[in-house]
């Protein structure tokens, strides 16, 4: 059975549909990447999986249950949200931000228990951010904030992560570190549905890619089958070559740059067969 299933879902703000007749499935342990241009409906779809937007038509199921029937507190124990950007108006320290992930497990009037603080400490150690514990969240870098939000989601003990462009604004090193953590967690059975503007991120870590344009899914499948030159042109109206380097690694190169730079640069490389246009 699918962990998450959308059945003929139409999502709209007021009376204007954003996504029409969307159907998709997500299984446990999958990393599913949503690709699409700005305004295509990726964020709207993610919000619907969080129960924040009710479908105008169709049904979204979580473990076979209509997500609309699941109380928010119960839903928060199963699904965690990692936003694109998060700015706090108050200088909470990193440990306190992570500890907030325990709130779905608490009553209205509560005090954090020793178990809660132990869980927060454990997830910080797991993500190698213990050294940030006492730092104000407002004063750490963008990459450190994203890892803090992932740690908060882990402390929440949810097994499904909804991530809206989590690598946006991060430097290259922090992007790679975030992708490494997602890969590690997926191997442990955590499930990820994330959006991105980088098709390479889908090629590198995702099991599946779902391409969305003009309010509809235009492709859904294994990344090696879906992320192709033709599909990227249809999605972004930009000519991009998907290039295989050194066996399984694949990168996306704009056609003009590939034609005028990469091919010439690699033409004298001793391993000329390491470059293959998909």
C-alpha atoms as a PDB file:
ATOM      1  CA  UNK A   1       0.000   0.000   0.000  1.00  0.00           C
ATOM      2  CA  UNK A   2       1.224   3.505  -0.794  1.00  0.00           C
ATOM      3  CA  UNK A   3       2.262   5.647   2.156  1.00  0.00           C
ATOM      4  CA  UNK A   4       0.814   8.751   0.500  1.00  0.00           C
ATOM      5  CA  UNK A   5      -1.693   8.673  -2.336  1.00  0.00           C
ATOM      6  CA  UNK A   6      -3.385  11.494  -4.209  1.00  0.00           C
ATOM      7  CA  UNK A   7      -6.429  10.431  -6.203  1.00  0.00           C
ATOM      8  CA  UNK A   8      -7.696  12.765  -8.942  1.00  0.00           C
ATOM      9  CA  UNK A   9      -6.975  15.816  -6.798  1.00  0.00           C
ATOM     10  CA  UNK A  10      -7.817  19.363  -7.843  1.00  0.00           C
ATOM     11  CA  UNK A  11      -6.354  22.138  -5.693  1.00  0.00           C
ATOM     12  CA  UNK A  12      -7.499  25.730  -5.907  1.00  0.00           C
ATOM     13  CA  UNK A  13      -7.252  29.105  -4.229  1.00  0.00           C
ATOM     14  CA  UNK A  14     -10.784  30.557  -4.252  1.00  0.00           C
ATOM     15  CA  UNK A  15     -12.228  29.334  -7.554  1.00  0.00           C
ATOM     16  CA  UNK A  16      -9.027  29.323  -9.604  1.00  0.00           C
ATOM     17  CA  UNK A  17      -7.522  25.813  -9.956  1.00  0.00           C
ATOM     18  CA  UNK A  18      -3.779  25.577  -9.401  1.00  0.00           C
ATOM     19  CA  UNK A  19      -3.511  21.826  -9.975  1.00  0.00           C
ATOM     20  CA  UNK A  20      -6.117  19.781 -11.812  1.00  0.00           C
ATOM     21  CA  UNK A  21      -6.820  16.035 -11.608  1.00  0.00           C
ATOM     22  CA  UNK A  22      -3.495  15.159  -9.956  1.00  0.00           C
ATOM     23  CA  UNK A  23      -2.804  11.525  -9.078  1.00  0.00           C
ATOM     24  CA  UNK A  24       0.429  10.285  -7.487  1.00  0.00           C
ATOM     25  CA  UNK A  25       1.785   7.766  -4.988  1.00  0.00           C
ATOM     26  CA  UNK A  26       4.703   7.834  -2.562  1.00  0.00           C
ATOM     27  CA  UNK A  27       6.028   4.685  -0.898  1.00  0.00           C
ATOM     28  CA  UNK A  28       7.935   4.269   2.328  1.00  0.00           C
ATOM     29  CA  UNK A  29      11.636   5.126   2.090  1.00  0.00           C
ATOM     30  CA  UNK A  30      11.318   6.893  -1.247  1.00  0.00           C
ATOM     31  CA  UNK A  31      12.877  10.230  -2.080  1.00  0.00           C
ATOM     32  CA  UNK A  32      10.472  11.881  -4.523  1.00  0.00           C
ATOM     33  CA  UNK A  33      11.469  15.159  -6.155  1.00  0.00           C
ATOM     34  CA  UNK A  34       8.980  17.637  -7.607  1.00  0.00           C
ATOM     35  CA  UNK A  35      10.328  19.564 -10.594  1.00  0.00           C
ATOM     36  CA  UNK A  36       8.671  22.449 -12.362  1.00  0.00           C
ATOM     37  CA  UNK A  37       8.938  26.147 -13.214  1.00  0.00           C
ATOM     38  CA  UNK A  38       7.872  28.906 -10.847  1.00  0.00           C
ATOM     39  CA  UNK A  39       4.114  28.982 -10.364  1.00  0.00           C
ATOM     40  CA  UNK A  40       3.600  25.416 -11.539  1.00  0.00           C
ATOM     41  CA  UNK A  41       1.961  24.315  -8.285  1.00  0.00           C
ATOM     42  CA  UNK A  42       4.775  22.472  -6.495  1.00  0.00           C
ATOM     43  CA  UNK A  43       4.356  24.337  -3.201  1.00  0.00           C
ATOM     44  CA  UNK A  44       0.583  24.024  -3.386  1.00  0.00           C
ATOM     45  CA  UNK A  45       0.877  20.261  -3.754  1.00  0.00           C
ATOM     46  CA  UNK A  46       3.256  20.077  -0.786  1.00  0.00           C
ATOM     47  CA  UNK A  47       0.842  22.112   1.353  1.00  0.00           C
ATOM     48  CA  UNK A  48      -1.940  19.688   0.484  1.00  0.00           C
ATOM     49  CA  UNK A  49       0.223  16.773   1.682  1.00  0.00           C
ATOM     50  CA  UNK A  50       0.589  18.628   4.991  1.00  0.00           C
ATOM     51  CA  UNK A  51      -3.177  18.984   5.294  1.00  0.00           C
ATOM     52  CA  UNK A  52      -2.965  22.781   4.994  1.00  0.00           C
ATOM     53  CA  UNK A  53      -4.997  22.936   1.775  1.00  0.00           C
ATOM     54  CA  UNK A  54      -8.095  20.803   1.289  1.00  0.00           C
ATOM     55  CA  UNK A  55      -8.693  19.436  -2.207  1.00  0.00           C
ATOM     56  CA  UNK A  56     -11.519  21.005  -4.165  1.00  0.00           C
ATOM     57  CA  UNK A  57     -12.011  17.567  -5.712  1.00  0.00           C
ATOM     58  CA  UNK A  58     -10.416  14.190  -5.099  1.00  0.00           C
ATOM     59  CA  UNK A  59      -8.781  12.679  -2.032  1.00  0.00           C
ATOM     60  CA  UNK A  60      -5.356  12.603  -0.411  1.00  0.00           C
ATOM     61  CA  UNK A  61      -4.681   9.491   1.643  1.00  0.00           C
ATOM     62  CA  UNK A  62      -2.048   8.964   4.332  1.00  0.00           C
ATOM     63  CA  UNK A  63      -1.582   5.285   5.141  1.00  0.00           C
ATOM     64  CA  UNK A  64      -5.007   4.674   3.617  1.00  0.00           C
ATOM     65  CA  UNK A  65      -6.765   7.398   5.655  1.00  0.00           C
ATOM     66  CA  UNK A  66      -8.225  10.575   4.228  1.00  0.00           C
ATOM     67  CA  UNK A  67      -5.777  13.239   5.374  1.00  0.00           C
ATOM     68  CA  UNK A  68      -8.681  15.622   5.961  1.00  0.00           C
ATOM     69  CA  UNK A  69      -9.965  13.316   8.711  1.00  0.00           C
ATOM     70  CA  UNK A  70      -6.676  13.149  10.629  1.00  0.00           C
ATOM     71  CA  UNK A  71      -6.398  15.608  13.566  1.00  0.00           C
ATOM     72  CA  UNK A  72      -3.534  18.069  13.109  1.00  0.00           C
ATOM     73  CA  UNK A  73      -1.658  16.904  16.174  1.00  0.00           C
ATOM     74  CA  UNK A  74      -1.785  13.292  15.044  1.00  0.00           C
ATOM     75  CA  UNK A  75      -0.775  14.323  11.538  1.00  0.00           C
ATOM     76  CA  UNK A  76       2.225  16.228  12.929  1.00  0.00           C
ATOM     77  CA  UNK A  77       3.466  13.037  14.552  1.00  0.00           C
ATOM     78  CA  UNK A  78       3.631  11.444  11.111  1.00  0.00           C
ATOM     79  CA  UNK A  79       4.522  14.276   8.730  1.00  0.00           C
ATOM     80  CA  UNK A  80       7.143  16.998   9.273  1.00  0.00           C
ATOM     81  CA  UNK A  81       7.670  20.156   7.249  1.00  0.00           C
ATOM     82  CA  UNK A  82      11.057  21.646   6.365  1.00  0.00           C
ATOM     83  CA  UNK A  83      10.479  25.030   4.686  1.00  0.00           C
ATOM     84  CA  UNK A  84      12.591  26.783   2.088  1.00  0.00           C
ATOM     85  CA  UNK A  85      13.424  29.613   4.458  1.00  0.00           C
ATOM     86  CA  UNK A  86      12.572  30.194   8.083  1.00  0.00           C
ATOM     87  CA  UNK A  87      13.173  33.395   9.995  1.00  0.00           C
ATOM     88  CA  UNK A  88      12.507  33.600  13.687  1.00  0.00           C
ATOM     89  CA  UNK A  89      11.567  36.925  15.234  1.00  0.00           C
ATOM     90  CA  UNK A  90      13.002  35.774  18.543  1.00  0.00           C
ATOM     91  CA  UNK A  91      16.595  34.684  19.205  1.00  0.00           C
ATOM     92  CA  UNK A  92      15.797  31.163  20.383  1.00  0.00           C
ATOM     93  CA  UNK A  93      18.917  29.080  20.661  1.00  0.00           C
ATOM     94  CA  UNK A  94      19.319  26.115  18.320  1.00  0.00           C
ATOM     95  CA  UNK A  95      18.592  23.552  21.031  1.00  0.00           C
ATOM     96  CA  UNK A  96      15.246  25.212  21.836  1.00  0.00           C
ATOM     97  CA  UNK A  97      14.249  25.296  18.154  1.00  0.00           C
ATOM     98  CA  UNK A  98      14.942  21.568  17.872  1.00  0.00           C
ATOM     99  CA  UNK A  99      13.101  20.897  21.135  1.00  0.00           C
ATOM    100  CA  UNK A 100       9.990  22.506  19.618  1.00  0.00           C
ATOM    101  CA  UNK A 101       9.740  19.394  17.461  1.00  0.00           C
ATOM    102  CA  UNK A 102       8.460  17.575  20.555  1.00  0.00           C
ATOM    103  CA  UNK A 103       5.313  19.723  20.781  1.00  0.00           C
ATOM    104  CA  UNK A 104       3.044  17.308  18.808  1.00  0.00           C
ATOM    105  CA  UNK A 105       3.670  14.795  21.597  1.00  0.00           C
ATOM    106  CA  UNK A 106       2.602  17.192  24.373  1.00  0.00           C
ATOM    107  CA  UNK A 107      -0.627  18.376  25.954  1.00  0.00           C
ATOM    108  CA  UNK A 108      -1.625  22.036  25.973  1.00  0.00           C
ATOM    109  CA  UNK A 109       0.049  22.717  29.322  1.00  0.00           C
ATOM    110  CA  UNK A 110       3.358  20.918  29.404  1.00  0.00           C
ATOM    111  CA  UNK A 111       6.975  20.932  30.398  1.00  0.00           C
ATOM    112  CA  UNK A 112       9.669  19.280  28.359  1.00  0.00           C
ATOM    113  CA  UNK A 113      10.768  15.998  29.905  1.00  0.00           C
ATOM    114  CA  UNK A 114      14.178  14.411  30.186  1.00  0.00           C
ATOM    115  CA  UNK A 115      13.150  12.151  27.295  1.00  0.00           C
ATOM    116  CA  UNK A 116      12.452  15.220  25.148  1.00  0.00           C
ATOM    117  CA  UNK A 117      15.823  16.791  25.849  1.00  0.00           C
ATOM    118  CA  UNK A 118      17.583  13.465  25.261  1.00  0.00           C
ATOM    119  CA  UNK A 119      15.881  13.124  21.856  1.00  0.00           C
ATOM    120  CA  UNK A 120      16.876  16.682  20.906  1.00  0.00           C
ATOM    121  CA  UNK A 121      20.455  15.993  21.974  1.00  0.00           C
ATOM    122  CA  UNK A 122      20.546  12.741  20.005  1.00  0.00           C
ATOM    123  CA  UNK A 123      19.379  14.301  16.733  1.00  0.00           C
ATOM    124  CA  UNK A 124      21.920  17.122  17.057  1.00  0.00           C
ATOM    125  CA  UNK A 125      24.682  14.561  17.448  1.00  0.00           C
ATOM    126  CA  UNK A 126      23.327  12.634  14.497  1.00  0.00           C
ATOM    127  CA  UNK A 127      23.518  15.678  12.231  1.00  0.00           C
ATOM    128  CA  UNK A 128      26.821  16.876  13.738  1.00  0.00           C
ATOM    129  CA  UNK A 129      25.413  20.205  14.928  1.00  0.00           C
ATOM    130  CA  UNK A 130      25.892  19.801  18.689  1.00  0.00           C
ATOM    131  CA  UNK A 131      28.363  22.692  18.621  1.00  0.00           C
ATOM    132  CA  UNK A 132      25.468  24.990  17.606  1.00  0.00           C
ATOM    133  CA  UNK A 133      23.338  24.086  20.624  1.00  0.00           C
ATOM    134  CA  UNK A 134      23.633  27.397  22.484  1.00  0.00           C
ATOM    135  CA  UNK A 135      23.915  29.617  19.393  1.00  0.00           C
ATOM    136  CA  UNK A 136      20.993  31.951  18.612  1.00  0.00           C
ATOM    137  CA  UNK A 137      19.079  30.569  15.639  1.00  0.00           C
ATOM    138  CA  UNK A 138      18.967  34.085  14.183  1.00  0.00           C
ATOM    139  CA  UNK A 139      22.780  34.253  14.008  1.00  0.00           C
ATOM    140  CA  UNK A 140      23.709  30.967  12.313  1.00  0.00           C
ATOM    141  CA  UNK A 141      24.225  30.425   8.580  1.00  0.00           C
ATOM    142  CA  UNK A 142      21.577  29.324   6.103  1.00  0.00           C
ATOM    143  CA  UNK A 143      23.018  25.821   5.892  1.00  0.00           C
ATOM    144  CA  UNK A 144      23.099  25.524   9.676  1.00  0.00           C
ATOM    145  CA  UNK A 145      19.479  26.676   9.837  1.00  0.00           C
ATOM    146  CA  UNK A 146      18.409  24.006   7.356  1.00  0.00           C
ATOM    147  CA  UNK A 147      20.164  21.302   9.367  1.00  0.00           C
ATOM    148  CA  UNK A 148      18.500  22.672  12.510  1.00  0.00           C
ATOM    149  CA  UNK A 149      15.095  22.358  10.832  1.00  0.00           C
ATOM    150  CA  UNK A 150      15.892  18.794   9.753  1.00  0.00           C
ATOM    151  CA  UNK A 151      16.898  18.066  13.352  1.00  0.00           C
ATOM    152  CA  UNK A 152      13.618  19.558  14.589  1.00  0.00           C
ATOM    153  CA  UNK A 153      11.736  17.294  12.171  1.00  0.00           C
ATOM    154  CA  UNK A 154      13.665  14.273  13.455  1.00  0.00           C
ATOM    155  CA  UNK A 155      12.866  15.258  17.045  1.00  0.00           C
ATOM    156  CA  UNK A 156       9.228  15.370  15.964  1.00  0.00           C
ATOM    157  CA  UNK A 157       9.628  11.619  15.274  1.00  0.00           C
ATOM    158  CA  UNK A 158       7.763  11.937  11.995  1.00  0.00           C
ATOM    159  CA  UNK A 159       8.768   9.459   9.301  1.00  0.00           C
ATOM    160  CA  UNK A 160       7.639  11.590   6.343  1.00  0.00           C
ATOM    161  CA  UNK A 161       9.456  14.813   5.469  1.00  0.00           C
ATOM    162  CA  UNK A 162       7.851  17.430   3.224  1.00  0.00           C
ATOM    163  CA  UNK A 163      10.571  19.820   2.023  1.00  0.00           C
ATOM    164  CA  UNK A 164       9.947  22.949  -0.046  1.00  0.00           C
ATOM    165  CA  UNK A 165      13.147  23.775  -1.960  1.00  0.00           C
ATOM    166  CA  UNK A 166      15.321  22.916   1.072  1.00  0.00           C
ATOM    167  CA  UNK A 167      18.614  23.639  -0.723  1.00  0.00           C
ATOM    168  CA  UNK A 168      17.563  27.034  -2.051  1.00  0.00           C
ATOM    169  CA  UNK A 169      19.980  29.745  -0.967  1.00  0.00           C
ATOM    170  CA  UNK A 170      22.559  27.308   0.382  1.00  0.00           C
ATOM    171  CA  UNK A 171      26.151  27.370  -0.792  1.00  0.00           C
ATOM    172  CA  UNK A 172      27.372  24.357  -2.756  1.00  0.00           C
ATOM    173  CA  UNK A 173      28.975  22.614   0.199  1.00  0.00           C
ATOM    174  CA  UNK A 174      25.861  22.918   2.367  1.00  0.00           C
ATOM    175  CA  UNK A 175      23.704  21.698  -0.510  1.00  0.00           C
ATOM    176  CA  UNK A 176      25.814  18.539  -0.766  1.00  0.00           C
ATOM    177  CA  UNK A 177      25.763  17.984   2.992  1.00  0.00           C
ATOM    178  CA  UNK A 178      21.972  18.320   3.058  1.00  0.00           C
ATOM    179  CA  UNK A 179      21.599  15.857   0.176  1.00  0.00           C
ATOM    180  CA  UNK A 180      23.887  13.402   1.978  1.00  0.00           C
ATOM    181  CA  UNK A 181      21.704  13.556   5.098  1.00  0.00           C
ATOM    182  CA  UNK A 182      18.546  12.993   3.040  1.00  0.00           C
ATOM    183  CA  UNK A 183      20.132   9.948   1.400  1.00  0.00           C
ATOM    184  CA  UNK A 184      21.228   8.497   4.731  1.00  0.00           C
ATOM    185  CA  UNK A 185      17.797   8.987   6.289  1.00  0.00           C
ATOM    186  CA  UNK A 186      16.005   7.454   3.303  1.00  0.00           C
ATOM    187  CA  UNK A 187      18.143   4.335   3.737  1.00  0.00           C
ATOM    188  CA  UNK A 188      16.749   4.167   7.278  1.00  0.00           C
ATOM    189  CA  UNK A 189      13.173   4.188   5.998  1.00  0.00           C
ATOM    190  CA  UNK A 190      12.376   7.902   6.182  1.00  0.00           C
ATOM    191  CA  UNK A 191      10.304   9.197   3.270  1.00  0.00           C
ATOM    192  CA  UNK A 192      10.916  12.497   1.501  1.00  0.00           C
ATOM    193  CA  UNK A 193       8.787  14.555  -0.863  1.00  0.00           C
ATOM    194  CA  UNK A 194      10.716  17.645  -1.843  1.00  0.00           C
ATOM    195  CA  UNK A 195      10.658  20.323  -4.482  1.00  0.00           C
ATOM    196  CA  UNK A 196      13.719  21.760  -6.168  1.00  0.00           C
ATOM    197  CA  UNK A 197      14.782  23.941  -9.075  1.00  0.00           C
ATOM    198  CA  UNK A 198      17.831  21.727  -9.625  1.00  0.00           C
ATOM    199  CA  UNK A 199      17.172  18.648 -11.792  1.00  0.00           C
ATOM    200  CA  UNK A 200      20.633  17.396 -10.807  1.00  0.00           C
ATOM    201  CA  UNK A 201      19.468  16.974  -7.212  1.00  0.00           C
ATOM    202  CA  UNK A 202      16.819  14.586  -8.497  1.00  0.00           C
ATOM    203  CA  UNK A 203      19.408  12.708 -10.563  1.00  0.00           C
ATOM    204  CA  UNK A 204      21.793  12.421  -7.627  1.00  0.00           C
ATOM    205  CA  UNK A 205      19.555  11.291  -4.749  1.00  0.00           C
ATOM    206  CA  UNK A 206      15.898  10.838  -5.732  1.00  0.00           C
ATOM    207  CA  UNK A 207      14.211   7.553  -6.522  1.00  0.00           C
ATOM    208  CA  UNK A 208      11.532   9.284  -8.575  1.00  0.00           C
ATOM    209  CA  UNK A 209      10.875  12.609 -10.226  1.00  0.00           C
ATOM    210  CA  UNK A 210       7.460  14.163 -10.736  1.00  0.00           C
ATOM    211  CA  UNK A 211       7.373  16.962 -13.310  1.00  0.00           C
ATOM    212  CA  UNK A 212       4.628  19.564 -12.982  1.00  0.00           C
ATOM    213  CA  UNK A 213       3.727  22.222 -15.527  1.00  0.00           C
ATOM    214  CA  UNK A 214       0.584  24.305 -16.091  1.00  0.00           C
ATOM    215  CA  UNK A 215      -1.248  22.628 -13.255  1.00  0.00           C
ATOM    216  CA  UNK A 216      -0.701  19.048 -14.414  1.00  0.00           C
ATOM    217  CA  UNK A 217       1.775  16.211 -13.952  1.00  0.00           C
ATOM    218  CA  UNK A 218       3.541  15.755 -17.273  1.00  0.00           C
ATOM    219  CA  UNK A 219       5.923  12.984 -16.146  1.00  0.00           C
ATOM    220  CA  UNK A 220       6.266  10.667 -13.158  1.00  0.00           C
ATOM    221  CA  UNK A 221       8.832   7.903 -12.884  1.00  0.00           C
ATOM    222  CA  UNK A 222      12.366   6.759 -12.191  1.00  0.00           C
ATOM    223  CA  UNK A 223      14.750   9.716 -12.536  1.00  0.00           C
ATOM    224  CA  UNK A 224      16.891   7.946 -15.125  1.00  0.00           C
ATOM    225  CA  UNK A 225      13.806   7.597 -17.335  1.00  0.00           C
ATOM    226  CA  UNK A 226      12.115  10.918 -16.596  1.00  0.00           C
ATOM    227  CA  UNK A 227      14.932  13.500 -16.392  1.00  0.00           C
ATOM    228  CA  UNK A 228      15.900  13.664 -20.059  1.00  0.00           C
ATOM    229  CA  UNK A 229      16.798  16.380 -22.550  1.00  0.00           C
ATOM    230  CA  UNK A 230      13.313  16.296 -24.091  1.00  0.00           C
ATOM    231  CA  UNK A 231      11.486  16.324 -20.755  1.00  0.00           C
ATOM    232  CA  UNK A 232      13.555  19.233 -19.409  1.00  0.00           C
ATOM    233  CA  UNK A 233      12.861  21.246 -22.565  1.00  0.00           C
ATOM    234  CA  UNK A 234       9.151  20.579 -22.205  1.00  0.00           C
ATOM    235  CA  UNK A 235       9.284  21.513 -18.517  1.00  0.00           C
ATOM    236  CA  UNK A 236      11.448  24.653 -18.614  1.00  0.00           C
ATOM    237  CA  UNK A 237      11.446  25.621 -22.302  1.00  0.00           C
ATOM    238  CA  UNK A 238      15.231  25.532 -22.138  1.00  0.00           C
ATOM    239  CA  UNK A 239      17.557  23.239 -24.050  1.00  0.00           C
ATOM    240  CA  UNK A 240      19.573  21.191 -21.587  1.00  0.00           C
ATOM    241  CA  UNK A 241      21.770  18.153 -22.156  1.00  0.00           C
ATOM    242  CA  UNK A 242      21.769  15.455 -19.489  1.00  0.00           C
ATOM    243  CA  UNK A 243      25.343  14.174 -19.556  1.00  0.00           C
ATOM    244  CA  UNK A 244      26.683  10.989 -17.996  1.00  0.00           C
ATOM    245  CA  UNK A 245      30.153  11.306 -16.477  1.00  0.00           C
ATOM    246  CA  UNK A 246      32.333   8.474 -15.202  1.00  0.00           C
ATOM    247  CA  UNK A 247      29.755   5.723 -15.189  1.00  0.00           C
ATOM    248  CA  UNK A 248      26.626   6.563 -13.200  1.00  0.00           C
ATOM    249  CA  UNK A 249      27.079  10.252 -12.341  1.00  0.00           C
ATOM    250  CA  UNK A 250      24.871  12.529 -14.443  1.00  0.00           C
ATOM    251  CA  UNK A 251      24.813  16.312 -14.694  1.00  0.00           C
ATOM    252  CA  UNK A 252      22.704  18.846 -16.565  1.00  0.00           C
ATOM    253  CA  UNK A 253      24.482  21.236 -18.923  1.00  0.00           C
ATOM    254  CA  UNK A 254      22.727  24.003 -20.893  1.00  0.00           C
ATOM    255  CA  UNK A 255      23.057  23.133 -24.573  1.00  0.00           C
ATOM    256  CA  UNK A 256      24.928  26.288 -25.580  1.00  0.00           C
ATOM    257  CA  UNK A 257      27.474  25.866 -22.787  1.00  0.00           C
ATOM    258  CA  UNK A 258      27.804  22.168 -23.519  1.00  0.00           C
ATOM    259  CA  UNK A 259      28.342  22.785 -27.223  1.00  0.00           C
ATOM    260  CA  UNK A 260      30.780  25.668 -26.818  1.00  0.00           C
ATOM    261  CA  UNK A 261      32.696  24.717 -23.714  1.00  0.00           C
ATOM    262  CA  UNK A 262      32.345  21.344 -22.087  1.00  0.00           C
ATOM    263  CA  UNK A 263      32.836  19.225 -25.205  1.00  0.00           C
ATOM    264  CA  UNK A 264      35.950  21.113 -26.257  1.00  0.00           C
ATOM    265  CA  UNK A 265      37.339  21.011 -22.747  1.00  0.00           C
ATOM    266  CA  UNK A 266      36.877  17.271 -22.517  1.00  0.00           C
ATOM    267  CA  UNK A 267      37.904  16.504 -26.096  1.00  0.00           C
ATOM    268  CA  UNK A 268      41.536  16.278 -25.059  1.00  0.00           C
ATOM    269  CA  UNK A 269      40.847  14.340 -21.880  1.00  0.00           C
ATOM    270  CA  UNK A 270      42.512  10.964 -21.814  1.00  0.00           C
ATOM    271  CA  UNK A 271      39.219   9.234 -20.940  1.00  0.00           C
ATOM    272  CA  UNK A 272      37.103  10.565 -23.777  1.00  0.00           C
ATOM    273  CA  UNK A 273      34.524   7.804 -23.348  1.00  0.00           C
ATOM    274  CA  UNK A 274      33.634   9.112 -19.873  1.00  0.00           C
ATOM    275  CA  UNK A 275      31.363  11.748 -21.460  1.00  0.00           C
ATOM    276  CA  UNK A 276      28.039  10.579 -22.809  1.00  0.00           C
ATOM    277  CA  UNK A 277      25.077  12.725 -23.816  1.00  0.00           C
ATOM    278  CA  UNK A 278      21.798  11.150 -22.747  1.00  0.00           C
END
